[in-house]
Amino acid sequence: MGAAKRTERFEALIRRNGPDLSRYFQRRLLNGADAAEAYGELLLTAWKIRRKMPVDEADGRMWLFATARNVVLNTRRTLARRSAAVQRLIDDTRSMSAPASGFDSAAEVRDAIASLAPDDAELVRLVYWDGLRSHEAATVLRINPSTARSRLSSAKRQLRALLEPVTTTTPRRESPD
């Protein structure tokens, strides 16, 4: 079968099944943005492997749903890793001080990370969100592993300072005798 014909069949299959696949992701992924991203990932993945697409319409539909299932499983693993990594970062930053009241929001952590230098923020994300070890993150960032460890340590100190509860104390006045 020619490439043009295969592309035409693929596009028709997506048009016919697109709304069902979109709902498939929306029912399985709680966040609408995650569902939309997963749908986009499905389209990209299916396009890359379209040569394996069955000729039969029903088989083609099942092929798309099987591919969608794999995308959902990968997305869930990614979200779980990210969630666990954010929790580890929160725990690490809290270990040096008592938790602030109402500090259960990951938004505060994301904002603190965003305030770091861009390279340091990416290093923290790679280690804590993506679950890479510091030497693996160093490879991704194309820096020396010892540099990565040093930057990570410095970034963690900065994050602790940003996320620590601010305590204000008033100096004691000595009473005149």
C-alpha atoms as a PDB file:
ATOM      1  CA  MET A   1       0.000   0.000   0.000  1.00  0.00           C
ATOM      2  CA  GLY A   2       1.319   3.438  -0.940  1.00  0.00           C
ATOM      3  CA  ALA A   3       2.272   6.093   1.608  1.00  0.00           C
ATOM      4  CA  ALA A   4      -0.439   8.487   0.405  1.00  0.00           C
ATOM      5  CA  LYS A   5      -3.135   5.844   0.767  1.00  0.00           C
ATOM      6  CA  ARG A   6      -1.855   4.829   4.223  1.00  0.00           C
ATOM      7  CA  THR A   7      -1.856   8.493   5.324  1.00  0.00           C
ATOM      8  CA  GLU A   8      -5.404   8.934   4.020  1.00  0.00           C
ATOM      9  CA  ARG A   9      -6.592   5.805   5.899  1.00  0.00           C
ATOM     10  CA  PHE A  10      -4.826   6.959   9.060  1.00  0.00           C
ATOM     11  CA  GLU A  11      -6.411  10.420   8.949  1.00  0.00           C
ATOM     12  CA  ALA A  12      -9.863   8.925   8.323  1.00  0.00           C
ATOM     13  CA  LEU A  13      -9.431   6.519  11.243  1.00  0.00           C
ATOM     14  CA  ILE A  14      -8.454   9.401  13.535  1.00  0.00           C
ATOM     15  CA  ARG A  15     -11.416  11.530  12.370  1.00  0.00           C
ATOM     16  CA  ARG A  16     -13.868   8.694  13.050  1.00  0.00           C
ATOM     17  CA  ASN A  17     -12.403   7.756  16.431  1.00  0.00           C
ATOM     18  CA  GLY A  18     -10.994  11.053  17.671  1.00  0.00           C
ATOM     19  CA  PRO A  19     -13.943  12.082  19.876  1.00  0.00           C
ATOM     20  CA  ASP A  20     -14.092   8.619  21.484  1.00  0.00           C
ATOM     21  CA  LEU A  21     -10.353   8.661  22.125  1.00  0.00           C
ATOM     22  CA  SER A  22     -10.548  12.137  23.619  1.00  0.00           C
ATOM     23  CA  ARG A  23     -13.263  10.967  26.027  1.00  0.00           C
ATOM     24  CA  TYR A  24     -11.167   7.878  26.795  1.00  0.00           C
ATOM     25  CA  PHE A  25      -8.366  10.128  28.061  1.00  0.00           C
ATOM     26  CA  GLN A  26     -10.723  12.499  29.887  1.00  0.00           C
ATOM     27  CA  ARG A  27     -12.256   9.617  31.834  1.00  0.00           C
ATOM     28  CA  ARG A  28      -8.893   8.184  32.839  1.00  0.00           C
ATOM     29  CA  LEU A  29      -6.879  11.318  33.557  1.00  0.00           C
ATOM     30  CA  LEU A  30      -8.393  13.707  36.069  1.00  0.00           C
ATOM     31  CA  ASN A  31      -6.780  16.862  34.762  1.00  0.00           C
ATOM     32  CA  GLY A  32      -8.107  18.137  31.428  1.00  0.00           C
ATOM     33  CA  ALA A  33      -4.682  19.433  30.427  1.00  0.00           C
ATOM     34  CA  ASP A  34      -3.149  16.006  31.077  1.00  0.00           C
ATOM     35  CA  ALA A  35      -5.903  14.401  28.986  1.00  0.00           C
ATOM     36  CA  ALA A  36      -5.302  16.814  26.116  1.00  0.00           C
ATOM     37  CA  GLU A  37      -1.561  16.250  26.297  1.00  0.00           C
ATOM     38  CA  ALA A  38      -2.070  12.485  26.300  1.00  0.00           C
ATOM     39  CA  TYR A  39      -4.345  12.762  23.261  1.00  0.00           C
ATOM     40  CA  GLY A  40      -1.616  14.704  21.454  1.00  0.00           C
ATOM     41  CA  GLU A  41       0.904  12.053  22.482  1.00  0.00           C
ATOM     42  CA  LEU A  42      -1.408   9.377  21.067  1.00  0.00           C
ATOM     43  CA  LEU A  43      -1.626  11.178  17.725  1.00  0.00           C
ATOM     44  CA  LEU A  44       2.136  11.517  17.541  1.00  0.00           C
ATOM     45  CA  THR A  45       2.779   7.910  18.567  1.00  0.00           C
ATOM     46  CA  ALA A  46       0.121   6.500  16.242  1.00  0.00           C
ATOM     47  CA  TRP A  47       1.499   8.575  13.366  1.00  0.00           C
ATOM     48  CA  LYS A  48       4.988   7.212  13.968  1.00  0.00           C
ATOM     49  CA  ILE A  49       3.789   3.593  13.942  1.00  0.00           C
ATOM     50  CA  ARG A  50       1.042   3.981  11.324  1.00  0.00           C
ATOM     51  CA  ARG A  51       2.662   1.309   9.171  1.00  0.00           C
ATOM     52  CA  LYS A  52       1.510  -1.215  11.781  1.00  0.00           C
ATOM     53  CA  MET A  53      -2.091   0.020  11.512  1.00  0.00           C
ATOM     54  CA  PRO A  54      -4.439  -2.844  10.615  1.00  0.00           C
ATOM     55  CA  VAL A  55      -6.351  -2.598   7.355  1.00  0.00           C
ATOM     56  CA  ASP A  56      -9.698  -3.598   8.863  1.00  0.00           C
ATOM     57  CA  GLU A  57     -11.695  -0.664  10.320  1.00  0.00           C
ATOM     58  CA  ALA A  58     -12.595  -2.427  13.592  1.00  0.00           C
ATOM     59  CA  ASP A  59      -9.060  -3.704  14.062  1.00  0.00           C
ATOM     60  CA  GLY A  60      -7.745  -0.200  13.355  1.00  0.00           C
ATOM     61  CA  ARG A  61     -10.018   1.203  16.071  1.00  0.00           C
ATOM     62  CA  MET A  62      -8.757  -1.376  18.577  1.00  0.00           C
ATOM     63  CA  TRP A  63      -5.184  -0.628  17.533  1.00  0.00           C
ATOM     64  CA  LEU A  64      -5.777   3.055  18.346  1.00  0.00           C
ATOM     65  CA  PHE A  65      -7.294   2.198  21.728  1.00  0.00           C
ATOM     66  CA  ALA A  66      -4.435  -0.168  22.563  1.00  0.00           C
ATOM     67  CA  THR A  67      -2.006   2.621  21.717  1.00  0.00           C
ATOM     68  CA  ALA A  68      -4.102   5.025  23.819  1.00  0.00           C
ATOM     69  CA  ARG A  69      -3.939   2.615  26.751  1.00  0.00           C
ATOM     70  CA  ASN A  70      -0.152   2.564  26.539  1.00  0.00           C
ATOM     71  CA  VAL A  71      -0.114   6.370  26.489  1.00  0.00           C
ATOM     72  CA  VAL A  72      -2.361   6.468  29.599  1.00  0.00           C
ATOM     73  CA  LEU A  73      -0.090   4.033  31.432  1.00  0.00           C
ATOM     74  CA  ASN A  74       2.984   6.095  30.554  1.00  0.00           C
ATOM     75  CA  THR A  75       1.222   9.313  31.565  1.00  0.00           C
ATOM     76  CA  ARG A  76       0.179   7.867  34.916  1.00  0.00           C
ATOM     77  CA  ARG A  77       3.741   6.727  35.608  1.00  0.00           C
ATOM     78  CA  THR A  78       5.042  10.177  34.735  1.00  0.00           C
ATOM     79  CA  LEU A  79       2.472  11.911  36.932  1.00  0.00           C
ATOM     80  CA  ALA A  80       3.196   9.558  39.834  1.00  0.00           C
ATOM     81  CA  ARG A  81       6.945  10.181  39.526  1.00  0.00           C
ATOM     82  CA  ARG A  82       6.370  13.936  39.385  1.00  0.00           C
ATOM     83  CA  SER A  83       4.070  13.821  42.406  1.00  0.00           C
ATOM     84  CA  ALA A  84       6.508  11.716  44.410  1.00  0.00           C
ATOM     85  CA  ALA A  85       9.389  13.964  43.402  1.00  0.00           C
ATOM     86  CA  VAL A  86       7.539  17.115  44.455  1.00  0.00           C
ATOM     87  CA  GLN A  87       6.770  15.473  47.798  1.00  0.00           C
ATOM     88  CA  ARG A  88      10.440  14.519  48.236  1.00  0.00           C
ATOM     89  CA  LEU A  89      11.456  18.096  47.511  1.00  0.00           C
ATOM     90  CA  ILE A  90       8.916  19.416  50.004  1.00  0.00           C
ATOM     91  CA  ASP A  91      10.171  16.940  52.608  1.00  0.00           C
ATOM     92  CA  ASP A  92      13.794  17.885  51.917  1.00  0.00           C
ATOM     93  CA  THR A  93      13.099  21.601  52.241  1.00  0.00           C
ATOM     94  CA  ARG A  94      11.084  21.074  55.423  1.00  0.00           C
ATOM     95  CA  SER A  95      13.729  18.909  57.065  1.00  0.00           C
ATOM     96  CA  MET A  96      15.742  21.941  58.099  1.00  0.00           C
ATOM     97  CA  SER A  97      12.870  23.830  59.696  1.00  0.00           C
ATOM     98  CA  ALA A  98       9.393  23.449  61.068  1.00  0.00           C
ATOM     99  CA  PRO A  99       6.653  23.543  58.435  1.00  0.00           C
ATOM    100  CA  ALA A 100       4.833  26.793  57.895  1.00  0.00           C
ATOM    101  CA  SER A 101       1.148  26.790  58.509  1.00  0.00           C
ATOM    102  CA  GLY A 102      -0.770  26.128  55.310  1.00  0.00           C
ATOM    103  CA  PHE A 103       2.375  24.995  53.463  1.00  0.00           C
ATOM    104  CA  ASP A 104       0.782  21.999  51.826  1.00  0.00           C
ATOM    105  CA  SER A 105       0.639  23.579  48.401  1.00  0.00           C
ATOM    106  CA  ALA A 106       2.904  22.357  45.631  1.00  0.00           C
ATOM    107  CA  ALA A 107       2.359  25.754  43.995  1.00  0.00           C
ATOM    108  CA  GLU A 108       4.694  27.335  46.547  1.00  0.00           C
ATOM    109  CA  VAL A 109       7.386  24.831  45.639  1.00  0.00           C
ATOM    110  CA  ARG A 110       6.907  25.400  41.900  1.00  0.00           C
ATOM    111  CA  ASP A 111       7.131  29.173  42.423  1.00  0.00           C
ATOM    112  CA  ALA A 112      10.273  28.799  44.493  1.00  0.00           C
ATOM    113  CA  ILE A 113      11.874  26.586  41.842  1.00  0.00           C
ATOM    114  CA  ALA A 114      10.909  29.076  39.145  1.00  0.00           C
ATOM    115  CA  SER A 115      12.723  31.822  41.057  1.00  0.00           C
ATOM    116  CA  LEU A 116      16.039  29.956  40.753  1.00  0.00           C
ATOM    117  CA  ALA A 117      18.453  30.555  37.905  1.00  0.00           C
ATOM    118  CA  PRO A 118      17.038  28.721  34.850  1.00  0.00           C
ATOM    119  CA  ASP A 119      19.814  26.080  34.747  1.00  0.00           C
ATOM    120  CA  ASP A 120      19.507  25.424  38.481  1.00  0.00           C
ATOM    121  CA  ALA A 121      15.714  25.192  38.233  1.00  0.00           C
ATOM    122  CA  GLU A 122      16.036  22.650  35.418  1.00  0.00           C
ATOM    123  CA  LEU A 123      18.538  20.649  37.464  1.00  0.00           C
ATOM    124  CA  VAL A 124      16.101  20.541  40.406  1.00  0.00           C
ATOM    125  CA  ARG A 125      13.256  19.513  38.098  1.00  0.00           C
ATOM    126  CA  LEU A 126      15.310  16.748  36.496  1.00  0.00           C
ATOM    127  CA  VAL A 127      16.288  15.327  39.871  1.00  0.00           C
ATOM    128  CA  TYR A 128      13.081  15.809  41.848  1.00  0.00           C
ATOM    129  CA  TRP A 129      10.356  15.747  39.210  1.00  0.00           C
ATOM    130  CA  ASP A 130      11.819  13.401  36.654  1.00  0.00           C
ATOM    131  CA  GLY A 131      13.574  11.159  39.161  1.00  0.00           C
ATOM    132  CA  LEU A 132      17.030  11.350  37.614  1.00  0.00           C
ATOM    133  CA  ARG A 133      20.138  11.003  39.740  1.00  0.00           C
ATOM    134  CA  SER A 134      22.441  14.003  39.852  1.00  0.00           C
ATOM    135  CA  HIS A 135      24.998  12.405  37.512  1.00  0.00           C
ATOM    136  CA  GLU A 136      22.212  11.556  35.037  1.00  0.00           C
ATOM    137  CA  ALA A 137      20.901  15.121  35.196  1.00  0.00           C
ATOM    138  CA  ALA A 138      24.468  16.298  34.618  1.00  0.00           C
ATOM    139  CA  THR A 139      24.569  14.254  31.416  1.00  0.00           C
ATOM    140  CA  VAL A 140      21.273  15.768  30.246  1.00  0.00           C
ATOM    141  CA  LEU A 141      22.490  19.286  31.019  1.00  0.00           C
ATOM    142  CA  ARG A 142      25.956  18.532  29.615  1.00  0.00           C
ATOM    143  CA  ILE A 143      27.778  19.566  32.761  1.00  0.00           C
ATOM    144  CA  ASN A 144      30.287  17.802  34.994  1.00  0.00           C
ATOM    145  CA  PRO A 145      28.642  15.541  37.631  1.00  0.00           C
ATOM    146  CA  SER A 146      30.480  17.315  40.449  1.00  0.00           C
ATOM    147  CA  THR A 147      29.192  20.635  39.126  1.00  0.00           C
ATOM    148  CA  ALA A 148      25.676  19.232  39.129  1.00  0.00           C
ATOM    149  CA  ARG A 149      26.014  18.053  42.750  1.00  0.00           C
ATOM    150  CA  SER A 150      27.359  21.433  43.792  1.00  0.00           C
ATOM    151  CA  ARG A 151      24.614  23.352  41.967  1.00  0.00           C
ATOM    152  CA  LEU A 152      21.966  21.023  43.360  1.00  0.00           C
ATOM    153  CA  SER A 153      23.228  21.568  46.895  1.00  0.00           C
ATOM    154  CA  SER A 154      23.230  25.321  46.387  1.00  0.00           C
ATOM    155  CA  ALA A 155      19.746  25.244  44.831  1.00  0.00           C
ATOM    156  CA  LYS A 156      18.421  23.236  47.778  1.00  0.00           C
ATOM    157  CA  ARG A 157      19.846  25.818  50.197  1.00  0.00           C
ATOM    158  CA  GLN A 158      18.166  28.593  48.214  1.00  0.00           C
ATOM    159  CA  LEU A 159      14.879  26.696  48.169  1.00  0.00           C
ATOM    160  CA  ARG A 160      15.045  26.081  51.923  1.00  0.00           C
ATOM    161  CA  ALA A 161      15.564  29.795  52.471  1.00  0.00           C
ATOM    162  CA  LEU A 162      12.651  30.640  50.188  1.00  0.00           C
ATOM    163  CA  LEU A 163      10.303  28.062  51.672  1.00  0.00           C
ATOM    164  CA  GLU A 164      11.183  28.393  55.369  1.00  0.00           C
ATOM    165  CA  PRO A 165       8.579  30.057  57.493  1.00  0.00           C
ATOM    166  CA  VAL A 166       9.472  33.640  58.183  1.00  0.00           C
ATOM    167  CA  THR A 167       9.648  34.133  61.913  1.00  0.00           C
ATOM    168  CA  THR A 168       9.785  37.591  63.282  1.00  0.00           C
ATOM    169  CA  THR A 169      10.952  38.057  66.791  1.00  0.00           C
ATOM    170  CA  THR A 170      10.960  41.246  68.712  1.00  0.00           C
ATOM    171  CA  PRO A 171      14.015  41.915  70.811  1.00  0.00           C
ATOM    172  CA  ARG A 172      13.509  41.680  74.543  1.00  0.00           C
ATOM    173  CA  ARG A 173      13.740  44.850  76.435  1.00  0.00           C
ATOM    174  CA  GLU A 174      15.424  44.717  79.715  1.00  0.00           C
ATOM    175  CA  SER A 175      13.493  46.385  82.448  1.00  0.00           C
ATOM    176  CA  PRO A 176      15.339  48.961  84.462  1.00  0.00           C
ATOM    177  CA  ASP A 177      15.829  47.930  88.063  1.00  0.00           C
END
